[in-house]
Structures are given as C-alpha cells and as structure tokens.
Amino acid sequence: MLKKLLLVATALGLLLTGPFVQAHHGWSSYDADQPLTLEVPLQSVNYRNPHADVSIEHDGRTWQVILAPISRLQSRGLPEADLTEGKTVTIVGYPRKDGTAEIRAERIIIDGRTIELR
C-alpha cells in the first residue's frame, strides 16, 4: 500500500511540475559561438519571473530576448520603468541553436548604462 501511495504521489508531482521545468530555458540550447550585438527598439516588455523578457525585430522576424530574473535586474540597476516599448537598447547575447527566434541576453545597454545579466 505504501509503495502505491508513493508511486501515485511521485506521478502527481511530475504532472504538476512538468510545465514549470519545460518552461525554463536551459543555457546549453544557445550558441555561445555566435554572439549577437543588436541595437534595436523594444517591441514589447514582460517584466516577470522566472525571467523578464522583451521582444524585438531582427532579420525580418520577431525575436524573444530572455533577460534575467527580476530580482537580478533590480539589484543591478534595471528597474521595470527603464524598459519601455519603443526604447532603443543594445542587446548582447546568443541565439538558440535550433533556429528558434530567441536570444539569451548576456548584457543590455540602456540609457548609456551597461547591465550585466549573468
């Protein structure tokens, strides 16, 4: 009986945590051999956990740029009010290896300030 209860609890735990694990971005998915430096206006901003992100236009596509957790952004001097749609920023980061229009940002340069994200 205890084995069945443990098996059911484990299965339920996996079902409940699966979407959260899948949503996390593993850094090995990004190509560190192909650094990008893009000066672009922000199309949209999502200042939320687990990672803030912005979208940009690059090479005729809309790209999602993964920033850092909000606590790190704030502690390094990048509050939500500094990230606004239409503001031009410089993003330095790495594209996904699989061709998905997504970038892992290492740093963002905004209003003359360089914020290291990792």
C-alpha atoms as a PDB file:
ATOM      1  CA  MET A   1       0.000   0.000   0.000  1.00  0.00           C
ATOM      2  CA  LEU A   2       2.825   2.404   0.867  1.00  0.00           C
ATOM      3  CA  LYS A   3       4.527   1.680  -2.479  1.00  0.00           C
ATOM      4  CA  LYS A   4       1.320   2.509  -4.380  1.00  0.00           C
ATOM      5  CA  LEU A   5       0.854   5.721  -2.425  1.00  0.00           C
ATOM      6  CA  LEU A   6       4.474   6.732  -3.112  1.00  0.00           C
ATOM      7  CA  LEU A   7       4.083   5.920  -6.811  1.00  0.00           C
ATOM      8  CA  VAL A   8       0.879   7.983  -7.076  1.00  0.00           C
ATOM      9  CA  ALA A   9       2.454  10.918  -5.203  1.00  0.00           C
ATOM     10  CA  THR A  10       5.520  10.830  -7.464  1.00  0.00           C
ATOM     11  CA  ALA A  11       3.398  10.698 -10.617  1.00  0.00           C
ATOM     12  CA  LEU A  12       1.245  13.573  -9.395  1.00  0.00           C
ATOM     13  CA  GLY A  13       4.335  15.610  -8.539  1.00  0.00           C
ATOM     14  CA  LEU A  14       5.756  15.073 -12.020  1.00  0.00           C
ATOM     15  CA  LEU A  15       2.487  16.074 -13.643  1.00  0.00           C
ATOM     16  CA  LEU A  16       2.285  19.259 -11.606  1.00  0.00           C
ATOM     17  CA  THR A  17       5.920  20.350 -12.053  1.00  0.00           C
ATOM     18  CA  GLY A  18       6.383  19.287 -15.673  1.00  0.00           C
ATOM     19  CA  PRO A  19       5.149  22.558 -17.242  1.00  0.00           C
ATOM     20  CA  PHE A  20       7.437  24.613 -14.991  1.00  0.00           C
ATOM     21  CA  VAL A  21      10.504  22.559 -15.862  1.00  0.00           C
ATOM     22  CA  GLN A  22       9.672  22.700 -19.563  1.00  0.00           C
ATOM     23  CA  ALA A  23       9.265  26.486 -19.402  1.00  0.00           C
ATOM     24  CA  HIS A  24      12.768  27.009 -18.011  1.00  0.00           C
ATOM     25  CA  HIS A  25      15.407  27.852 -20.597  1.00  0.00           C
ATOM     26  CA  GLY A  26      18.453  25.603 -20.411  1.00  0.00           C
ATOM     27  CA  TRP A  27      21.527  27.647 -21.365  1.00  0.00           C
ATOM     28  CA  SER A  28      23.032  24.805 -23.417  1.00  0.00           C
ATOM     29  CA  SER A  29      20.314  25.495 -26.021  1.00  0.00           C
ATOM     30  CA  TYR A  30      22.053  28.738 -27.016  1.00  0.00           C
ATOM     31  CA  ASP A  31      25.027  29.099 -29.362  1.00  0.00           C
ATOM     32  CA  ALA A  32      27.802  30.911 -27.476  1.00  0.00           C
ATOM     33  CA  ASP A  33      29.935  30.713 -30.641  1.00  0.00           C
ATOM     34  CA  GLN A  34      27.518  33.057 -32.445  1.00  0.00           C
ATOM     35  CA  PRO A  35      27.359  36.231 -30.332  1.00  0.00           C
ATOM     36  CA  LEU A  36      24.903  38.905 -31.457  1.00  0.00           C
ATOM     37  CA  THR A  37      25.063  42.615 -30.709  1.00  0.00           C
ATOM     38  CA  LEU A  38      21.843  44.319 -31.752  1.00  0.00           C
ATOM     39  CA  GLU A  39      20.798  47.946 -31.342  1.00  0.00           C
ATOM     40  CA  VAL A  40      17.028  47.767 -31.603  1.00  0.00           C
ATOM     41  CA  PRO A  41      13.825  49.294 -30.258  1.00  0.00           C
ATOM     42  CA  LEU A  42      11.851  47.156 -27.806  1.00  0.00           C
ATOM     43  CA  GLN A  43       8.596  45.852 -29.289  1.00  0.00           C
ATOM     44  CA  SER A  44       7.185  44.508 -26.017  1.00  0.00           C
ATOM     45  CA  VAL A  45       8.322  44.061 -22.423  1.00  0.00           C
ATOM     46  CA  ASN A  46       7.389  41.340 -19.908  1.00  0.00           C
ATOM     47  CA  TYR A  47       8.872  42.204 -16.530  1.00  0.00           C
ATOM     48  CA  ARG A  48       8.020  38.975 -14.716  1.00  0.00           C
ATOM     49  CA  ASN A  49       9.533  35.860 -13.202  1.00  0.00           C
ATOM     50  CA  PRO A  50      11.130  33.425 -13.756  1.00  0.00           C
ATOM     51  CA  HIS A  51      12.920  35.678 -16.305  1.00  0.00           C
ATOM     52  CA  ALA A  52      11.974  39.038 -17.713  1.00  0.00           C
ATOM     53  CA  ASP A  53      11.894  39.111 -21.489  1.00  0.00           C
ATOM     54  CA  VAL A  54      11.488  41.574 -24.322  1.00  0.00           C
ATOM     55  CA  SER A  55      10.651  41.149 -27.973  1.00  0.00           C
ATOM     56  CA  ILE A  56      12.499  42.793 -30.839  1.00  0.00           C
ATOM     57  CA  GLU A  57      12.509  42.770 -34.626  1.00  0.00           C
ATOM     58  CA  HIS A  58      15.658  41.341 -36.238  1.00  0.00           C
ATOM     59  CA  ASP A  59      16.216  39.926 -39.736  1.00  0.00           C
ATOM     60  CA  GLY A  60      12.514  40.222 -40.557  1.00  0.00           C
ATOM     61  CA  ARG A  61      11.444  38.135 -37.549  1.00  0.00           C
ATOM     62  CA  THR A  62      10.143  38.866 -34.072  1.00  0.00           C
ATOM     63  CA  TRP A  63      12.650  37.576 -31.516  1.00  0.00           C
ATOM     64  CA  GLN A  64      12.096  36.889 -27.828  1.00  0.00           C
ATOM     65  CA  VAL A  65      15.067  38.019 -25.744  1.00  0.00           C
ATOM     66  CA  ILE A  66      15.432  36.294 -22.365  1.00  0.00           C
ATOM     67  CA  LEU A  67      16.830  38.685 -19.775  1.00  0.00           C
ATOM     68  CA  ALA A  68      17.297  37.752 -16.090  1.00  0.00           C
ATOM     69  CA  PRO A  69      15.090  37.274 -13.031  1.00  0.00           C
ATOM     70  CA  ILE A  70      13.505  40.499 -11.792  1.00  0.00           C
ATOM     71  CA  SER A  71      15.489  40.434  -8.544  1.00  0.00           C
ATOM     72  CA  ARG A  72      18.757  40.389 -10.503  1.00  0.00           C
ATOM     73  CA  LEU A  73      17.593  43.156 -12.855  1.00  0.00           C
ATOM     74  CA  GLN A  74      16.666  45.355  -9.913  1.00  0.00           C
ATOM     75  CA  SER A  75      19.844  44.650  -7.928  1.00  0.00           C
ATOM     76  CA  ARG A  76      21.965  45.506 -10.973  1.00  0.00           C
ATOM     77  CA  GLY A  77      20.135  48.758 -11.649  1.00  0.00           C
ATOM     78  CA  LEU A  78      17.489  47.924 -14.236  1.00  0.00           C
ATOM     79  CA  PRO A  79      14.026  48.661 -12.825  1.00  0.00           C
ATOM     80  CA  GLU A  80      10.875  47.989 -14.803  1.00  0.00           C
ATOM     81  CA  ALA A  81      10.418  51.705 -15.590  1.00  0.00           C
ATOM     82  CA  ASP A  82      13.637  51.680 -17.680  1.00  0.00           C
ATOM     83  CA  LEU A  83      12.315  49.037 -20.074  1.00  0.00           C
ATOM     84  CA  THR A  84       9.602  50.614 -22.191  1.00  0.00           C
ATOM     85  CA  GLU A  85       8.180  49.723 -25.574  1.00  0.00           C
ATOM     86  CA  GLY A  86       9.822  51.745 -28.313  1.00  0.00           C
ATOM     87  CA  LYS A  87      13.022  52.472 -26.351  1.00  0.00           C
ATOM     88  CA  THR A  88      16.172  51.651 -28.313  1.00  0.00           C
ATOM     89  CA  VAL A  89      18.629  49.431 -26.450  1.00  0.00           C
ATOM     90  CA  THR A  90      21.691  47.378 -27.317  1.00  0.00           C
ATOM     91  CA  ILE A  91      21.400  43.674 -26.577  1.00  0.00           C
ATOM     92  CA  VAL A  92      24.406  41.373 -26.475  1.00  0.00           C
ATOM     93  CA  GLY A  93      23.558  37.695 -26.388  1.00  0.00           C
ATOM     94  CA  TYR A  94      23.357  34.326 -28.082  1.00  0.00           C
ATOM     95  CA  PRO A  95      20.724  32.849 -30.423  1.00  0.00           C
ATOM     96  CA  ARG A  96      19.157  29.437 -29.916  1.00  0.00           C
ATOM     97  CA  LYS A  97      20.948  26.611 -31.688  1.00  0.00           C
ATOM     98  CA  ASP A  98      17.732  25.194 -33.144  1.00  0.00           C
ATOM     99  CA  GLY A  99      16.886  28.354 -35.137  1.00  0.00           C
ATOM    100  CA  THR A 100      14.031  29.430 -32.864  1.00  0.00           C
ATOM    101  CA  ALA A 101      13.837  33.242 -32.808  1.00  0.00           C
ATOM    102  CA  GLU A 102      15.062  33.524 -29.224  1.00  0.00           C
ATOM    103  CA  ILE A 103      18.159  35.131 -27.707  1.00  0.00           C
ATOM    104  CA  ARG A 104      19.753  34.642 -24.289  1.00  0.00           C
ATOM    105  CA  ALA A 105      20.943  38.114 -23.327  1.00  0.00           C
ATOM    106  CA  GLU A 106      24.277  38.426 -21.536  1.00  0.00           C
ATOM    107  CA  ARG A 107      24.026  42.193 -21.163  1.00  0.00           C
ATOM    108  CA  ILE A 108      21.816  45.077 -22.129  1.00  0.00           C
ATOM    109  CA  ILE A 109      22.966  48.628 -22.718  1.00  0.00           C
ATOM    110  CA  ILE A 110      20.269  51.153 -21.947  1.00  0.00           C
ATOM    111  CA  ASP A 111      20.492  54.910 -21.457  1.00  0.00           C
ATOM    112  CA  GLY A 112      24.311  54.698 -21.581  1.00  0.00           C
ATOM    113  CA  ARG A 113      24.454  52.076 -18.796  1.00  0.00           C
ATOM    114  CA  THR A 114      25.659  48.503 -19.268  1.00  0.00           C
ATOM    115  CA  ILE A 115      23.787  45.957 -17.173  1.00  0.00           C
ATOM    116  CA  GLU A 116      25.377  42.501 -16.912  1.00  0.00           C
ATOM    117  CA  LEU A 117      22.640  39.887 -16.733  1.00  0.00           C
ATOM    118  CA  ARG A 118      24.510  36.664 -15.894  1.00  0.00           C
END
